[in-house]
Amino acid sequence: FVTLEGIAFAADPEFNMYRNSYPFAFRRMLTPRTALGRQLLRDALLQSGRFKVFALFKEQGQKKSASGEAAEQATTAMRITAEVLLAPEGRELRRVLADADSAGLISDLA
């Protein structure tokens, strides 16, 4: 990994391994293959049946608007999430969504 980053950095000093590997890592996080991975995904997304992400959105709303890079990452995350939801390997993510508290979801979206 470090060798690849060094080679890429030699060709392009602006190269950022983390930015370039983010889509792959995010997709892997949303498509766990083990029981532990499935539980970690569920724990990362839900708390008492409600999505944790809405608390983060509210917190972010109180801060200044996101930088260009953060906005780009959010757009990438939304695109990957939609792709995973529609793909066969998105089964566990769909299960997490189905198990979420729908009344709480409606309340959070309002």
N, C-alpha and C. Protein backbone atom coordinates (compact mmCIF):
# COMPACT_ATOMS: atom_id res chain seq x y z
N PHE A 1 0.83 -1.19 0.00
CA PHE A 1 0.00 0.00 0.00
C PHE A 1 0.88 1.25 0.00
N VAL A 2 1.86 1.28 0.88
CA VAL A 2 2.74 2.44 0.98
C VAL A 2 3.57 2.57 -0.29
N THR A 3 4.00 1.44 -0.86
CA THR A 3 4.77 1.48 -2.10
C THR A 3 3.94 2.07 -3.23
N LEU A 4 2.68 1.64 -3.35
CA LEU A 4 1.81 2.18 -4.37
C LEU A 4 1.61 3.68 -4.20
N GLU A 5 1.46 4.10 -2.95
CA GLU A 5 1.27 5.52 -2.69
C GLU A 5 2.52 6.29 -3.11
N GLY A 6 3.68 5.75 -2.82
CA GLY A 6 4.94 6.41 -3.20
C GLY A 6 5.09 6.53 -4.70
N ILE A 7 4.75 5.47 -5.42
CA ILE A 7 4.83 5.50 -6.88
C ILE A 7 3.87 6.54 -7.44
N ALA A 8 2.64 6.53 -6.95
CA ALA A 8 1.64 7.48 -7.42
C ALA A 8 2.05 8.91 -7.07
N PHE A 9 2.60 9.10 -5.88
CA PHE A 9 3.02 10.44 -5.44
C PHE A 9 4.17 10.95 -6.31
N ALA A 10 5.07 10.04 -6.73
CA ALA A 10 6.17 10.45 -7.59
C ALA A 10 5.64 10.95 -8.94
N ALA A 11 4.58 10.34 -9.42
CA ALA A 11 4.00 10.76 -10.70
C ALA A 11 3.13 12.00 -10.55
N ASP A 12 2.48 12.13 -9.39
CA ASP A 12 1.56 13.24 -9.16
C ASP A 12 1.67 13.69 -7.71
N PRO A 13 2.36 14.78 -7.43
CA PRO A 13 2.55 15.24 -6.05
C PRO A 13 1.24 15.56 -5.31
N GLU A 14 0.17 15.76 -6.04
CA GLU A 14 -1.12 16.05 -5.43
C GLU A 14 -1.91 14.78 -5.10
N PHE A 15 -1.34 13.62 -5.42
CA PHE A 15 -2.04 12.35 -5.21
C PHE A 15 -2.30 12.12 -3.73
N ASN A 16 -3.51 11.69 -3.41
CA ASN A 16 -3.90 11.40 -2.03
C ASN A 16 -4.50 10.00 -2.01
N MET A 17 -3.77 9.06 -1.41
CA MET A 17 -4.20 7.66 -1.39
C MET A 17 -5.54 7.50 -0.68
N TYR A 18 -5.77 8.26 0.36
CA TYR A 18 -7.02 8.14 1.12
C TYR A 18 -8.21 8.59 0.28
N ARG A 19 -8.06 9.70 -0.41
CA ARG A 19 -9.15 10.20 -1.25
C ARG A 19 -9.45 9.21 -2.38
N ASN A 20 -8.41 8.62 -2.93
CA ASN A 20 -8.61 7.70 -4.04
C ASN A 20 -9.10 6.32 -3.62
N SER A 21 -8.83 5.91 -2.40
CA SER A 21 -9.29 4.59 -1.95
C SER A 21 -10.64 4.68 -1.22
N TYR A 22 -11.10 5.89 -0.94
CA TYR A 22 -12.36 6.08 -0.21
C TYR A 22 -13.55 5.34 -0.84
N PRO A 23 -13.78 5.46 -2.15
CA PRO A 23 -14.95 4.77 -2.72
C PRO A 23 -14.90 3.25 -2.49
N PHE A 24 -13.73 2.65 -2.67
CA PHE A 24 -13.60 1.22 -2.46
C PHE A 24 -13.86 0.85 -1.00
N ALA A 25 -13.24 1.59 -0.08
CA ALA A 25 -13.39 1.30 1.35
C ALA A 25 -14.83 1.50 1.80
N PHE A 26 -15.48 2.53 1.31
CA PHE A 26 -16.86 2.80 1.70
C PHE A 26 -17.79 1.70 1.20
N ARG A 27 -17.58 1.26 -0.05
CA ARG A 27 -18.38 0.16 -0.59
C ARG A 27 -18.17 -1.11 0.22
N ARG A 28 -16.95 -1.40 0.59
CA ARG A 28 -16.67 -2.60 1.39
C ARG A 28 -17.35 -2.51 2.75
N MET A 29 -17.38 -1.32 3.34
CA MET A 29 -18.04 -1.16 4.63
C MET A 29 -19.54 -1.45 4.52
N LEU A 30 -20.15 -1.07 3.41
CA LEU A 30 -21.59 -1.26 3.23
C LEU A 30 -21.97 -2.67 2.80
N THR A 31 -20.98 -3.50 2.47
CA THR A 31 -21.26 -4.86 1.99
C THR A 31 -20.48 -5.88 2.81
N PRO A 32 -20.78 -6.00 4.10
CA PRO A 32 -20.03 -6.93 4.94
C PRO A 32 -20.24 -8.38 4.52
N ARG A 33 -19.20 -9.19 4.74
CA ARG A 33 -19.25 -10.60 4.33
C ARG A 33 -19.27 -11.56 5.51
N THR A 34 -19.08 -11.04 6.70
CA THR A 34 -19.05 -11.91 7.88
C THR A 34 -20.14 -11.48 8.86
N ALA A 35 -20.44 -12.37 9.79
CA ALA A 35 -21.44 -12.04 10.82
C ALA A 35 -20.99 -10.83 11.64
N LEU A 36 -19.71 -10.79 11.98
CA LEU A 36 -19.19 -9.65 12.74
C LEU A 36 -19.31 -8.37 11.92
N GLY A 37 -18.98 -8.43 10.64
CA GLY A 37 -19.10 -7.26 9.77
C GLY A 37 -20.53 -6.78 9.67
N ARG A 38 -21.47 -7.72 9.58
CA ARG A 38 -22.89 -7.34 9.51
C ARG A 38 -23.33 -6.65 10.80
N GLN A 39 -22.87 -7.17 11.93
CA GLN A 39 -23.22 -6.55 13.21
C GLN A 39 -22.59 -5.17 13.34
N LEU A 40 -21.36 -5.03 12.89
CA LEU A 40 -20.69 -3.72 12.96
C LEU A 40 -21.40 -2.69 12.06
N LEU A 41 -21.85 -3.13 10.89
CA LEU A 41 -22.61 -2.22 10.02
C LEU A 41 -23.88 -1.76 10.71
N ARG A 42 -24.60 -2.71 11.28
CA ARG A 42 -25.85 -2.39 11.98
C ARG A 42 -25.57 -1.42 13.14
N ASP A 43 -24.53 -1.71 13.91
CA ASP A 43 -24.19 -0.84 15.04
C ASP A 43 -23.75 0.55 14.59
N ALA A 44 -23.10 0.62 13.43
CA ALA A 44 -22.65 1.92 12.92
C ALA A 44 -23.80 2.78 12.43
N LEU A 45 -24.86 2.13 11.94
CA LEU A 45 -25.96 2.89 11.34
C LEU A 45 -27.14 3.14 12.28
N LEU A 46 -27.39 2.21 13.18
CA LEU A 46 -28.59 2.30 14.03
C LEU A 46 -28.25 2.41 15.51
N GLN A 47 -29.09 3.13 16.20
CA GLN A 47 -29.03 3.19 17.66
C GLN A 47 -30.47 3.16 18.15
N SER A 48 -30.82 2.12 18.87
CA SER A 48 -32.21 1.92 19.34
C SER A 48 -33.20 1.96 18.17
N GLY A 49 -32.80 1.39 17.03
CA GLY A 49 -33.67 1.32 15.88
C GLY A 49 -33.75 2.59 15.06
N ARG A 50 -33.03 3.63 15.46
CA ARG A 50 -33.07 4.90 14.72
C ARG A 50 -31.71 5.14 14.08
N PHE A 51 -31.76 5.81 12.94
CA PHE A 51 -30.52 6.08 12.21
C PHE A 51 -29.67 7.11 12.93
N LYS A 52 -28.41 6.78 13.14
CA LYS A 52 -27.48 7.70 13.76
C LYS A 52 -27.14 8.88 12.84
N VAL A 53 -27.27 8.66 11.55
CA VAL A 53 -26.86 9.67 10.58
C VAL A 53 -27.62 10.98 10.74
N PHE A 54 -28.88 10.92 11.18
CA PHE A 54 -29.64 12.16 11.32
C PHE A 54 -29.10 13.04 12.44
N ALA A 55 -28.59 12.42 13.49
CA ALA A 55 -27.96 13.20 14.55
C ALA A 55 -26.71 13.90 14.01
N LEU A 56 -25.97 13.21 13.12
CA LEU A 56 -24.79 13.82 12.50
C LEU A 56 -25.18 14.97 11.59
N PHE A 57 -26.27 14.79 10.83
CA PHE A 57 -26.74 15.86 9.95
C PHE A 57 -27.11 17.10 10.76
N LYS A 58 -27.81 16.88 11.88
CA LYS A 58 -28.21 18.02 12.71
C LYS A 58 -26.98 18.73 13.26
N GLU A 59 -25.99 17.93 13.68
CA GLU A 59 -24.75 18.49 14.21
C GLU A 59 -24.02 19.28 13.12
N GLN A 60 -23.94 18.72 11.91
CA GLN A 60 -23.27 19.40 10.81
C GLN A 60 -24.01 20.66 10.40
N GLY A 61 -25.32 20.66 10.53
CA GLY A 61 -26.11 21.83 10.17
C GLY A 61 -25.79 23.02 11.05
N GLN A 62 -25.29 22.76 12.24
CA GLN A 62 -24.94 23.83 13.16
C GLN A 62 -23.56 24.41 12.85
N LYS A 63 -22.78 23.69 12.05
CA LYS A 63 -21.45 24.15 11.67
C LYS A 63 -21.51 24.87 10.34
N LYS A 64 -20.39 25.44 9.93
CA LYS A 64 -20.31 26.09 8.63
C LYS A 64 -20.51 25.05 7.53
N SER A 65 -20.85 25.53 6.34
CA SER A 65 -21.07 24.61 5.22
C SER A 65 -19.79 23.83 4.93
N ALA A 66 -19.97 22.65 4.38
CA ALA A 66 -18.85 21.74 4.12
C ALA A 66 -17.92 22.31 3.06
N SER A 67 -16.65 21.93 3.18
CA SER A 67 -15.67 22.33 2.18
C SER A 67 -15.97 21.60 0.88
N GLY A 68 -15.31 22.01 -0.18
CA GLY A 68 -15.51 21.37 -1.47
C GLY A 68 -15.18 19.90 -1.43
N GLU A 69 -14.09 19.55 -0.75
CA GLU A 69 -13.69 18.14 -0.67
C GLU A 69 -14.71 17.33 0.15
N ALA A 70 -15.20 17.89 1.24
CA ALA A 70 -16.20 17.19 2.05
C ALA A 70 -17.50 17.01 1.27
N ALA A 71 -17.88 18.01 0.52
CA ALA A 71 -19.10 17.91 -0.30
C ALA A 71 -18.92 16.85 -1.38
N GLU A 72 -17.72 16.78 -1.96
CA GLU A 72 -17.43 15.76 -2.98
C GLU A 72 -17.50 14.36 -2.37
N GLN A 73 -16.96 14.20 -1.16
CA GLN A 73 -17.02 12.90 -0.50
C GLN A 73 -18.45 12.52 -0.16
N ALA A 74 -19.26 13.49 0.26
CA ALA A 74 -20.66 13.20 0.57
C ALA A 74 -21.40 12.77 -0.68
N THR A 75 -21.13 13.41 -1.80
CA THR A 75 -21.77 13.03 -3.06
C THR A 75 -21.35 11.62 -3.46
N THR A 76 -20.07 11.31 -3.31
CA THR A 76 -19.57 9.97 -3.61
C THR A 76 -20.23 8.94 -2.71
N ALA A 77 -20.35 9.26 -1.43
CA ALA A 77 -20.98 8.33 -0.48
C ALA A 77 -22.44 8.08 -0.84
N MET A 78 -23.17 9.10 -1.24
CA MET A 78 -24.57 8.93 -1.62
C MET A 78 -24.69 8.07 -2.87
N ARG A 79 -23.81 8.30 -3.84
CA ARG A 79 -23.84 7.53 -5.08
C ARG A 79 -23.54 6.05 -4.80
N ILE A 80 -22.52 5.79 -4.01
CA ILE A 80 -22.15 4.41 -3.69
C ILE A 80 -23.25 3.73 -2.89
N THR A 81 -23.85 4.45 -1.95
CA THR A 81 -24.93 3.88 -1.15
C THR A 81 -26.10 3.48 -2.05
N ALA A 82 -26.46 4.32 -2.98
CA ALA A 82 -27.55 3.99 -3.91
C ALA A 82 -27.19 2.78 -4.76
N GLU A 83 -25.96 2.72 -5.24
CA GLU A 83 -25.52 1.58 -6.04
C GLU A 83 -25.59 0.29 -5.24
N VAL A 84 -25.11 0.34 -3.98
CA VAL A 84 -25.11 -0.85 -3.13
C VAL A 84 -26.54 -1.29 -2.82
N LEU A 85 -27.41 -0.34 -2.54
CA LEU A 85 -28.80 -0.69 -2.23
C LEU A 85 -29.46 -1.46 -3.38
N LEU A 86 -29.09 -1.14 -4.59
CA LEU A 86 -29.70 -1.78 -5.76
C LEU A 86 -28.98 -3.06 -6.20
N ALA A 87 -27.80 -3.31 -5.66
CA ALA A 87 -27.00 -4.47 -6.06
C ALA A 87 -27.30 -5.68 -5.16
N PRO A 88 -27.07 -6.88 -5.67
CA PRO A 88 -27.29 -8.08 -4.85
C PRO A 88 -26.49 -8.07 -3.55
N GLU A 89 -25.27 -7.54 -3.58
CA GLU A 89 -24.45 -7.53 -2.36
C GLU A 89 -24.92 -6.51 -1.32
N GLY A 90 -25.94 -5.73 -1.65
CA GLY A 90 -26.50 -4.75 -0.71
C GLY A 90 -27.57 -5.34 0.19
N ARG A 91 -27.68 -6.65 0.21
CA ARG A 91 -28.72 -7.32 1.00
C ARG A 91 -28.69 -6.90 2.48
N GLU A 92 -27.52 -6.87 3.08
CA GLU A 92 -27.46 -6.53 4.51
C GLU A 92 -27.83 -5.07 4.76
N LEU A 93 -27.42 -4.18 3.88
CA LEU A 93 -27.80 -2.78 4.04
C LEU A 93 -29.31 -2.63 3.92
N ARG A 94 -29.93 -3.36 3.00
CA ARG A 94 -31.39 -3.32 2.88
C ARG A 94 -32.05 -3.88 4.14
N ARG A 95 -31.46 -4.89 4.75
CA ARG A 95 -32.01 -5.44 6.00
C ARG A 95 -31.94 -4.41 7.12
N VAL A 96 -30.84 -3.70 7.20
CA VAL A 96 -30.71 -2.66 8.22
C VAL A 96 -31.78 -1.59 8.01
N LEU A 97 -31.98 -1.18 6.77
CA LEU A 97 -33.01 -0.18 6.48
C LEU A 97 -34.40 -0.69 6.84
N ALA A 98 -34.66 -1.97 6.57
CA ALA A 98 -35.97 -2.54 6.88
C ALA A 98 -36.20 -2.63 8.39
N ASP A 99 -35.13 -2.82 9.15
CA ASP A 99 -35.25 -2.95 10.60
C ASP A 99 -35.33 -1.61 11.33
N ALA A 100 -35.07 -0.54 10.61
CA ALA A 100 -35.08 0.78 11.24
C ALA A 100 -36.50 1.16 11.66
N ASP A 101 -36.59 1.98 12.67
CA ASP A 101 -37.87 2.47 13.18
C ASP A 101 -38.45 3.46 12.18
N SER A 102 -39.49 3.05 11.46
CA SER A 102 -40.04 3.90 10.41
C SER A 102 -40.67 5.17 10.96
N ALA A 103 -41.29 5.09 12.12
CA ALA A 103 -41.89 6.29 12.73
C ALA A 103 -40.78 7.28 13.10
N GLY A 104 -39.69 6.76 13.62
CA GLY A 104 -38.55 7.63 13.95
C GLY A 104 -37.94 8.23 12.71
N LEU A 105 -37.89 7.46 11.62
CA LEU A 105 -37.36 7.96 10.36
C LEU A 105 -38.21 9.11 9.84
N ILE A 106 -39.51 8.95 9.88
CA ILE A 106 -40.41 10.03 9.42
C ILE A 106 -40.21 11.27 10.29
N SER A 107 -40.09 11.07 11.58
CA SER A 107 -39.87 12.19 12.49
C SER A 107 -38.55 12.89 12.20
N ASP A 108 -37.51 12.11 11.94
CA ASP A 108 -36.19 12.70 11.66
C ASP A 108 -36.17 13.43 10.33
N LEU A 109 -36.94 12.97 9.36
CA LEU A 109 -36.96 13.62 8.05
C LEU A 109 -37.80 14.90 8.05
N ALA A 110 -38.70 15.02 9.01
CA ALA A 110 -39.57 16.19 9.05
C ALA A 110 -38.85 17.43 9.53
